[in-house]
Amino acid sequence: MVEEFKEVGLGVWEGRSIEEVRKEDPVNFKLWFTEPLKAKIEKAENLKAFKERVVKAFEKITDKEKEGEIAIVTHGGVISAIIAHILELDMNHIWRIRLDNASISEIRIETEISRLSLLNSTFHLNGIETKGISIWNTR
């Protein structure tokens, strides 16, 4: 287990339903999905610090394992932060990357550049629905 791959800490929002957060903190709820760097969630982890921690761990793994394949099984926010790093996106754009539960994304690390070669594939689930608690169920 890689401790740095734990999901982003959401402070006082932790353990609460989307409906509760939307009702009790509508301004920050909207910002979280549109401009997350501007959201001010009490006791939450800073998104830039979150991305830095995730990318540092990702690079440590990929620097160590130069050959072969590496599988990283982790949370959607962590995967989004890694993809944002590879695509040079700031964290205000991470929720534009859709990642279904149990999906597969692939990054190819080549000599000169890293490439996102597969995103959000669910082919291996053979049509099983991946609905559930998700940031995408906000309406």
N, C-alpha and C. Protein backbone atom coordinates (compact mmCIF):
# COMPACT_ATOMS: atom_id res chain seq x y z
N MET A 1 0.83 -1.17 0.00
CA MET A 1 0.00 0.00 0.00
C MET A 1 0.88 1.25 0.00
N VAL A 2 0.50 2.21 -0.80
CA VAL A 2 1.24 3.47 -0.88
C VAL A 2 0.40 4.53 -0.18
N GLU A 3 0.86 4.97 0.97
CA GLU A 3 0.11 5.93 1.80
C GLU A 3 -0.22 7.21 1.02
N GLU A 4 0.68 7.63 0.15
CA GLU A 4 0.47 8.87 -0.60
C GLU A 4 -0.67 8.76 -1.62
N PHE A 5 -1.15 7.54 -1.88
CA PHE A 5 -2.26 7.35 -2.82
C PHE A 5 -3.62 7.31 -2.13
N LYS A 6 -3.69 7.76 -0.89
CA LYS A 6 -5.01 7.87 -0.26
C LYS A 6 -5.76 9.03 -0.93
N GLU A 7 -7.08 8.97 -0.89
CA GLU A 7 -7.91 9.97 -1.54
C GLU A 7 -7.75 11.34 -0.89
N VAL A 8 -8.08 12.37 -1.64
CA VAL A 8 -8.01 13.74 -1.13
C VAL A 8 -8.88 13.86 0.12
N GLY A 9 -8.34 14.51 1.13
CA GLY A 9 -9.09 14.72 2.37
C GLY A 9 -10.09 15.85 2.22
N LEU A 10 -11.36 15.58 2.50
CA LEU A 10 -12.41 16.57 2.30
C LEU A 10 -12.88 17.22 3.60
N GLY A 11 -12.08 17.12 4.64
CA GLY A 11 -12.38 17.84 5.88
C GLY A 11 -13.77 17.57 6.41
N VAL A 12 -14.53 18.65 6.68
CA VAL A 12 -15.86 18.53 7.29
C VAL A 12 -16.87 17.88 6.35
N TRP A 13 -16.54 17.72 5.10
CA TRP A 13 -17.44 17.03 4.16
C TRP A 13 -17.33 15.51 4.26
N GLU A 14 -16.27 15.01 4.86
CA GLU A 14 -16.06 13.56 4.96
C GLU A 14 -17.25 12.87 5.61
N GLY A 15 -17.68 11.76 5.02
CA GLY A 15 -18.75 10.96 5.58
C GLY A 15 -20.15 11.52 5.42
N ARG A 16 -20.27 12.65 4.73
CA ARG A 16 -21.58 13.26 4.54
C ARG A 16 -22.09 12.98 3.13
N SER A 17 -23.38 12.95 2.97
CA SER A 17 -23.95 12.70 1.65
C SER A 17 -23.82 13.93 0.76
N ILE A 18 -23.88 13.70 -0.53
CA ILE A 18 -23.83 14.81 -1.49
C ILE A 18 -24.98 15.77 -1.21
N GLU A 19 -26.15 15.24 -0.92
CA GLU A 19 -27.32 16.08 -0.65
C GLU A 19 -27.09 16.99 0.56
N GLU A 20 -26.49 16.44 1.62
CA GLU A 20 -26.21 17.25 2.81
C GLU A 20 -25.25 18.38 2.49
N VAL A 21 -24.17 18.05 1.79
CA VAL A 21 -23.16 19.06 1.48
C VAL A 21 -23.75 20.13 0.57
N ARG A 22 -24.50 19.71 -0.43
CA ARG A 22 -25.11 20.67 -1.37
C ARG A 22 -26.03 21.64 -0.63
N LYS A 23 -26.78 21.12 0.33
CA LYS A 23 -27.73 21.95 1.08
C LYS A 23 -27.02 22.88 2.07
N GLU A 24 -26.03 22.35 2.78
CA GLU A 24 -25.40 23.10 3.87
C GLU A 24 -24.24 24.00 3.42
N ASP A 25 -23.65 23.71 2.26
CA ASP A 25 -22.50 24.49 1.79
C ASP A 25 -22.60 24.67 0.26
N PRO A 26 -23.69 25.31 -0.22
CA PRO A 26 -23.93 25.38 -1.67
C PRO A 26 -22.86 26.10 -2.47
N VAL A 27 -22.27 27.14 -1.90
CA VAL A 27 -21.25 27.90 -2.64
C VAL A 27 -20.02 27.04 -2.88
N ASN A 28 -19.49 26.44 -1.83
CA ASN A 28 -18.31 25.60 -1.99
C ASN A 28 -18.60 24.32 -2.75
N PHE A 29 -19.82 23.81 -2.62
CA PHE A 29 -20.21 22.63 -3.38
C PHE A 29 -20.11 22.92 -4.88
N LYS A 30 -20.66 24.03 -5.30
CA LYS A 30 -20.60 24.40 -6.72
C LYS A 30 -19.15 24.64 -7.15
N LEU A 31 -18.39 25.36 -6.33
CA LEU A 31 -16.98 25.61 -6.66
C LEU A 31 -16.20 24.31 -6.78
N TRP A 32 -16.48 23.33 -5.92
CA TRP A 32 -15.75 22.07 -5.95
C TRP A 32 -15.82 21.40 -7.32
N PHE A 33 -16.94 21.56 -8.01
CA PHE A 33 -17.11 20.93 -9.32
C PHE A 33 -16.76 21.84 -10.49
N THR A 34 -16.69 23.14 -10.26
CA THR A 34 -16.41 24.08 -11.35
C THR A 34 -15.02 24.69 -11.27
N GLU A 35 -14.60 25.07 -10.08
CA GLU A 35 -13.28 25.65 -9.84
C GLU A 35 -12.77 25.16 -8.49
N PRO A 36 -12.41 23.89 -8.40
CA PRO A 36 -12.08 23.31 -7.09
C PRO A 36 -10.95 24.00 -6.34
N LEU A 37 -10.06 24.67 -7.03
CA LEU A 37 -8.98 25.37 -6.32
C LEU A 37 -9.51 26.55 -5.51
N LYS A 38 -10.70 27.04 -5.84
CA LYS A 38 -11.29 28.16 -5.12
C LYS A 38 -12.19 27.72 -3.97
N ALA A 39 -12.54 26.44 -3.91
CA ALA A 39 -13.41 25.94 -2.84
C ALA A 39 -12.68 26.04 -1.51
N LYS A 40 -13.38 26.50 -0.49
CA LYS A 40 -12.82 26.62 0.86
C LYS A 40 -13.60 25.67 1.78
N ILE A 41 -13.12 24.44 1.85
CA ILE A 41 -13.77 23.41 2.66
C ILE A 41 -12.99 23.29 3.96
N GLU A 42 -13.67 23.54 5.06
CA GLU A 42 -13.02 23.53 6.36
C GLU A 42 -12.30 22.21 6.62
N LYS A 43 -11.03 22.30 7.00
CA LYS A 43 -10.16 21.18 7.36
C LYS A 43 -9.84 20.25 6.18
N ALA A 44 -10.16 20.68 4.95
CA ALA A 44 -9.88 19.85 3.77
C ALA A 44 -8.43 20.01 3.35
N GLU A 45 -7.93 18.99 2.67
CA GLU A 45 -6.58 19.02 2.13
C GLU A 45 -6.52 20.00 0.96
N ASN A 46 -5.47 20.77 0.89
CA ASN A 46 -5.25 21.67 -0.23
C ASN A 46 -5.02 20.85 -1.50
N LEU A 47 -5.72 21.20 -2.58
CA LEU A 47 -5.63 20.40 -3.82
C LEU A 47 -4.25 20.43 -4.45
N LYS A 48 -3.56 21.53 -4.36
CA LYS A 48 -2.19 21.57 -4.91
C LYS A 48 -1.28 20.64 -4.12
N ALA A 49 -1.43 20.64 -2.81
CA ALA A 49 -0.62 19.74 -1.96
C ALA A 49 -0.99 18.28 -2.24
N PHE A 50 -2.28 18.02 -2.44
CA PHE A 50 -2.74 16.68 -2.79
C PHE A 50 -2.07 16.21 -4.07
N LYS A 51 -2.11 17.03 -5.10
CA LYS A 51 -1.50 16.66 -6.38
C LYS A 51 0.01 16.43 -6.21
N GLU A 52 0.67 17.30 -5.47
CA GLU A 52 2.12 17.15 -5.24
C GLU A 52 2.44 15.83 -4.56
N ARG A 53 1.65 15.46 -3.55
CA ARG A 53 1.91 14.20 -2.83
C ARG A 53 1.71 13.00 -3.74
N VAL A 54 0.65 13.04 -4.54
CA VAL A 54 0.34 11.94 -5.46
C VAL A 54 1.42 11.82 -6.54
N VAL A 55 1.76 12.93 -7.16
CA VAL A 55 2.75 12.92 -8.25
C VAL A 55 4.12 12.48 -7.74
N LYS A 56 4.50 12.92 -6.55
CA LYS A 56 5.78 12.50 -5.97
C LYS A 56 5.83 10.98 -5.81
N ALA A 57 4.75 10.39 -5.31
CA ALA A 57 4.70 8.93 -5.13
C ALA A 57 4.69 8.22 -6.48
N PHE A 58 3.92 8.76 -7.43
CA PHE A 58 3.86 8.18 -8.77
C PHE A 58 5.24 8.18 -9.43
N GLU A 59 5.93 9.30 -9.36
CA GLU A 59 7.26 9.38 -9.96
C GLU A 59 8.27 8.50 -9.26
N LYS A 60 8.14 8.34 -7.96
CA LYS A 60 9.03 7.44 -7.22
C LYS A 60 8.87 6.01 -7.73
N ILE A 61 7.63 5.60 -7.94
CA ILE A 61 7.36 4.25 -8.45
C ILE A 61 7.86 4.10 -9.87
N THR A 62 7.54 5.04 -10.73
CA THR A 62 7.93 4.91 -12.14
C THR A 62 9.42 5.10 -12.36
N ASP A 63 10.07 5.87 -11.52
CA ASP A 63 11.54 6.00 -11.62
C ASP A 63 12.22 4.70 -11.22
N LYS A 64 11.66 4.01 -10.24
CA LYS A 64 12.23 2.76 -9.74
C LYS A 64 12.01 1.61 -10.72
N GLU A 65 10.83 1.55 -11.29
CA GLU A 65 10.45 0.46 -12.20
C GLU A 65 10.55 0.95 -13.64
N LYS A 66 11.72 0.92 -14.21
CA LYS A 66 11.95 1.45 -15.55
C LYS A 66 11.44 0.53 -16.66
N GLU A 67 11.34 -0.75 -16.40
CA GLU A 67 10.93 -1.71 -17.43
C GLU A 67 9.67 -2.44 -16.99
N GLY A 68 8.90 -2.86 -17.96
CA GLY A 68 7.72 -3.67 -17.66
C GLY A 68 6.49 -2.84 -17.39
N GLU A 69 5.52 -3.49 -16.78
CA GLU A 69 4.24 -2.86 -16.51
C GLU A 69 4.03 -2.70 -15.01
N ILE A 70 3.35 -1.64 -14.65
CA ILE A 70 3.02 -1.36 -13.26
C ILE A 70 1.51 -1.16 -13.20
N ALA A 71 0.86 -1.78 -12.25
CA ALA A 71 -0.57 -1.55 -12.03
C ALA A 71 -0.73 -0.77 -10.73
N ILE A 72 -1.46 0.31 -10.81
CA ILE A 72 -1.77 1.11 -9.63
C ILE A 72 -3.28 1.08 -9.47
N VAL A 73 -3.73 0.54 -8.36
CA VAL A 73 -5.16 0.45 -8.07
C VAL A 73 -5.43 1.44 -6.95
N THR A 74 -6.22 2.47 -7.25
CA THR A 74 -6.41 3.52 -6.26
C THR A 74 -7.70 4.28 -6.52
N HIS A 75 -7.86 5.38 -5.85
CA HIS A 75 -9.07 6.20 -5.90
C HIS A 75 -9.11 7.09 -7.14
N GLY A 76 -10.32 7.50 -7.51
CA GLY A 76 -10.52 8.34 -8.68
C GLY A 76 -9.81 9.69 -8.61
N GLY A 77 -9.81 10.31 -7.45
CA GLY A 77 -9.12 11.59 -7.30
C GLY A 77 -7.62 11.45 -7.52
N VAL A 78 -7.05 10.37 -7.03
CA VAL A 78 -5.62 10.10 -7.20
C VAL A 78 -5.31 9.88 -8.68
N ILE A 79 -6.13 9.07 -9.34
CA ILE A 79 -5.93 8.83 -10.77
C ILE A 79 -6.07 10.13 -11.55
N SER A 80 -7.08 10.93 -11.20
CA SER A 80 -7.28 12.22 -11.87
C SER A 80 -6.07 13.13 -11.68
N ALA A 81 -5.48 13.14 -10.50
CA ALA A 81 -4.30 13.97 -10.24
C ALA A 81 -3.11 13.50 -11.08
N ILE A 82 -2.93 12.19 -11.21
CA ILE A 82 -1.85 11.66 -12.04
C ILE A 82 -2.07 12.03 -13.50
N ILE A 83 -3.29 11.86 -13.99
CA ILE A 83 -3.61 12.20 -15.37
C ILE A 83 -3.44 13.70 -15.60
N ALA A 84 -3.88 14.51 -14.66
CA ALA A 84 -3.70 15.96 -14.78
C ALA A 84 -2.21 16.31 -14.89
N HIS A 85 -1.40 15.62 -14.13
CA HIS A 85 0.05 15.83 -14.20
C HIS A 85 0.59 15.47 -15.58
N ILE A 86 0.21 14.31 -16.08
CA ILE A 86 0.68 13.85 -17.39
C ILE A 86 0.24 14.79 -18.50
N LEU A 87 -1.00 15.29 -18.41
CA LEU A 87 -1.55 16.17 -19.45
C LEU A 87 -1.28 17.65 -19.18
N GLU A 88 -0.57 17.94 -18.08
CA GLU A 88 -0.23 19.30 -17.69
C GLU A 88 -1.46 20.18 -17.49
N LEU A 89 -2.46 19.62 -16.80
CA LEU A 89 -3.67 20.35 -16.45
C LEU A 89 -3.57 20.83 -15.01
N ASP A 90 -4.13 22.00 -14.72
CA ASP A 90 -4.17 22.38 -13.32
C ASP A 90 -5.36 21.70 -12.66
N MET A 91 -5.41 21.76 -11.37
CA MET A 91 -6.41 21.00 -10.63
C MET A 91 -7.83 21.54 -10.80
N ASN A 92 -8.00 22.71 -11.39
CA ASN A 92 -9.35 23.19 -11.69
C ASN A 92 -10.01 22.37 -12.79
N HIS A 93 -9.26 21.54 -13.46
CA HIS A 93 -9.79 20.78 -14.58
C HIS A 93 -9.95 19.28 -14.29
N ILE A 94 -9.65 18.85 -13.09
CA ILE A 94 -9.65 17.40 -12.83
C ILE A 94 -11.02 16.76 -12.94
N TRP A 95 -12.08 17.48 -12.62
CA TRP A 95 -13.40 16.85 -12.68
C TRP A 95 -13.95 16.81 -14.10
N ARG A 96 -13.20 17.30 -15.05
CA ARG A 96 -13.57 17.15 -16.46
C ARG A 96 -13.12 15.78 -16.98
N ILE A 97 -12.36 15.08 -16.16
CA ILE A 97 -11.92 13.73 -16.50
C ILE A 97 -12.89 12.76 -15.82
N ARG A 98 -13.66 12.05 -16.60
CA ARG A 98 -14.61 11.10 -16.02
C ARG A 98 -13.92 9.76 -15.79
N LEU A 99 -14.06 9.27 -14.58
CA LEU A 99 -13.51 7.96 -14.21
C LEU A 99 -14.60 7.17 -13.50
N ASP A 100 -15.11 6.15 -14.18
CA ASP A 100 -16.12 5.29 -13.57
C ASP A 100 -15.46 4.35 -12.56
N ASN A 101 -16.27 3.87 -11.61
CA ASN A 101 -15.77 2.89 -10.65
C ASN A 101 -15.24 1.67 -11.39
N ALA A 102 -14.10 1.19 -10.98
CA ALA A 102 -13.46 -0.02 -11.53
C ALA A 102 -12.98 0.15 -12.97
N SER A 103 -12.88 1.38 -13.45
CA SER A 103 -12.39 1.59 -14.82
C SER A 103 -10.87 1.47 -14.87
N ILE A 104 -10.38 1.32 -16.10
CA ILE A 104 -8.94 1.21 -16.33
C ILE A 104 -8.49 2.39 -17.18
N SER A 105 -7.42 3.02 -16.76
CA SER A 105 -6.75 4.04 -17.55
C SER A 105 -5.30 3.62 -17.66
N GLU A 106 -4.67 3.97 -18.76
CA GLU A 106 -3.29 3.54 -19.00
C GLU A 106 -2.43 4.72 -19.40
N ILE A 107 -1.27 4.79 -18.80
CA ILE A 107 -0.27 5.80 -19.14
C ILE A 107 0.97 5.06 -19.61
N ARG A 108 1.44 5.44 -20.76
CA ARG A 108 2.68 4.86 -21.29
C ARG A 108 3.80 5.86 -21.05
N ILE A 109 4.80 5.41 -20.32
CA ILE A 109 5.93 6.27 -20.00
C ILE A 109 7.04 5.92 -20.98
N GLU A 110 7.29 6.86 -21.88
CA GLU A 110 8.28 6.65 -22.93
C GLU A 110 9.50 7.51 -22.64
N THR A 111 10.53 7.35 -23.44
CA THR A 111 11.78 8.05 -23.20
C THR A 111 11.61 9.55 -23.09
N GLU A 112 10.92 10.13 -24.02
CA GLU A 112 10.82 11.59 -24.07
C GLU A 112 9.53 12.15 -23.46
N ILE A 113 8.49 11.34 -23.40
CA ILE A 113 7.19 11.87 -23.00
C ILE A 113 6.32 10.75 -22.42
N SER A 114 5.43 11.13 -21.53
CA SER A 114 4.43 10.19 -21.03
C SER A 114 3.13 10.47 -21.76
N ARG A 115 2.41 9.40 -22.13
CA ARG A 115 1.18 9.54 -22.91
C ARG A 115 0.04 8.82 -22.23
N LEU A 116 -1.12 9.47 -22.21
CA LEU A 116 -2.34 8.82 -21.77
C LEU A 116 -2.86 8.03 -22.96
N SER A 117 -2.82 6.70 -22.87
CA SER A 117 -3.18 5.87 -24.02
C SER A 117 -4.54 5.19 -23.86
N LEU A 118 -5.10 5.20 -22.65
CA LEU A 118 -6.42 4.62 -22.42
C LEU A 118 -7.04 5.36 -21.25
N LEU A 119 -8.31 5.73 -21.38
CA LEU A 119 -8.97 6.47 -20.32
C LEU A 119 -10.34 5.88 -20.03
N ASN A 120 -10.59 5.55 -18.78
CA ASN A 120 -11.91 5.17 -18.30
C ASN A 120 -12.51 3.97 -19.03
N SER A 121 -11.71 3.00 -19.35
CA SER A 121 -12.22 1.81 -20.02
C SER A 121 -12.90 0.89 -19.02
N THR A 122 -14.08 0.41 -19.39
CA THR A 122 -14.80 -0.55 -18.55
C THR A 122 -15.09 -1.84 -19.33
N PHE A 123 -14.34 -2.10 -20.39
CA PHE A 123 -14.55 -3.29 -21.23
C PHE A 123 -14.52 -4.58 -20.42
N HIS A 124 -13.69 -4.62 -19.42
CA HIS A 124 -13.50 -5.83 -18.61
C HIS A 124 -14.70 -6.14 -17.72
N LEU A 125 -15.63 -5.22 -17.59
CA LEU A 125 -16.78 -5.42 -16.73
C LEU A 125 -17.95 -6.08 -17.44
N ASN A 126 -17.81 -6.29 -18.75
CA ASN A 126 -18.84 -6.98 -19.54
C ASN A 126 -20.25 -6.44 -19.31
N GLY A 127 -20.38 -5.13 -19.32
CA GLY A 127 -21.70 -4.52 -19.22
C GLY A 127 -22.24 -4.32 -17.82
N ILE A 128 -21.48 -4.68 -16.80
CA ILE A 128 -21.92 -4.44 -15.43
C ILE A 128 -21.96 -2.93 -15.21
N GLU A 129 -23.06 -2.45 -14.66
CA GLU A 129 -23.16 -1.01 -14.40
C GLU A 129 -22.21 -0.62 -13.30
N THR A 130 -21.62 0.57 -13.45
CA THR A 130 -20.67 1.06 -12.45
C THR A 130 -21.28 2.22 -11.66
N LYS A 131 -22.58 2.32 -11.66
CA LYS A 131 -23.23 3.39 -10.91
C LYS A 131 -23.05 3.15 -9.42
N GLY A 132 -23.14 4.21 -8.68
CA GLY A 132 -22.99 4.14 -7.23
C GLY A 132 -22.68 5.52 -6.73
N ILE A 133 -22.03 5.60 -5.62
CA ILE A 133 -21.64 6.91 -5.11
C ILE A 133 -20.53 7.43 -6.00
N SER A 134 -20.78 8.56 -6.60
CA SER A 134 -19.83 9.12 -7.53
C SER A 134 -19.98 10.62 -7.57
N ILE A 135 -18.90 11.31 -7.85
CA ILE A 135 -19.00 12.76 -7.99
C ILE A 135 -19.84 13.14 -9.19
N TRP A 136 -20.10 12.19 -10.07
CA TRP A 136 -20.87 12.49 -11.29
C TRP A 136 -22.36 12.49 -11.04
N ASN A 137 -22.80 11.98 -9.91
CA ASN A 137 -24.23 11.95 -9.59
C ASN A 137 -24.59 13.18 -8.76
N THR A 138 -24.39 14.38 -9.32
CA THR A 138 -24.57 15.59 -8.55
C THR A 138 -25.86 16.33 -8.90
N ARG A 139 -26.62 15.85 -9.85
CA ARG A 139 -27.85 16.56 -10.22
C ARG A 139 -29.06 15.83 -9.73
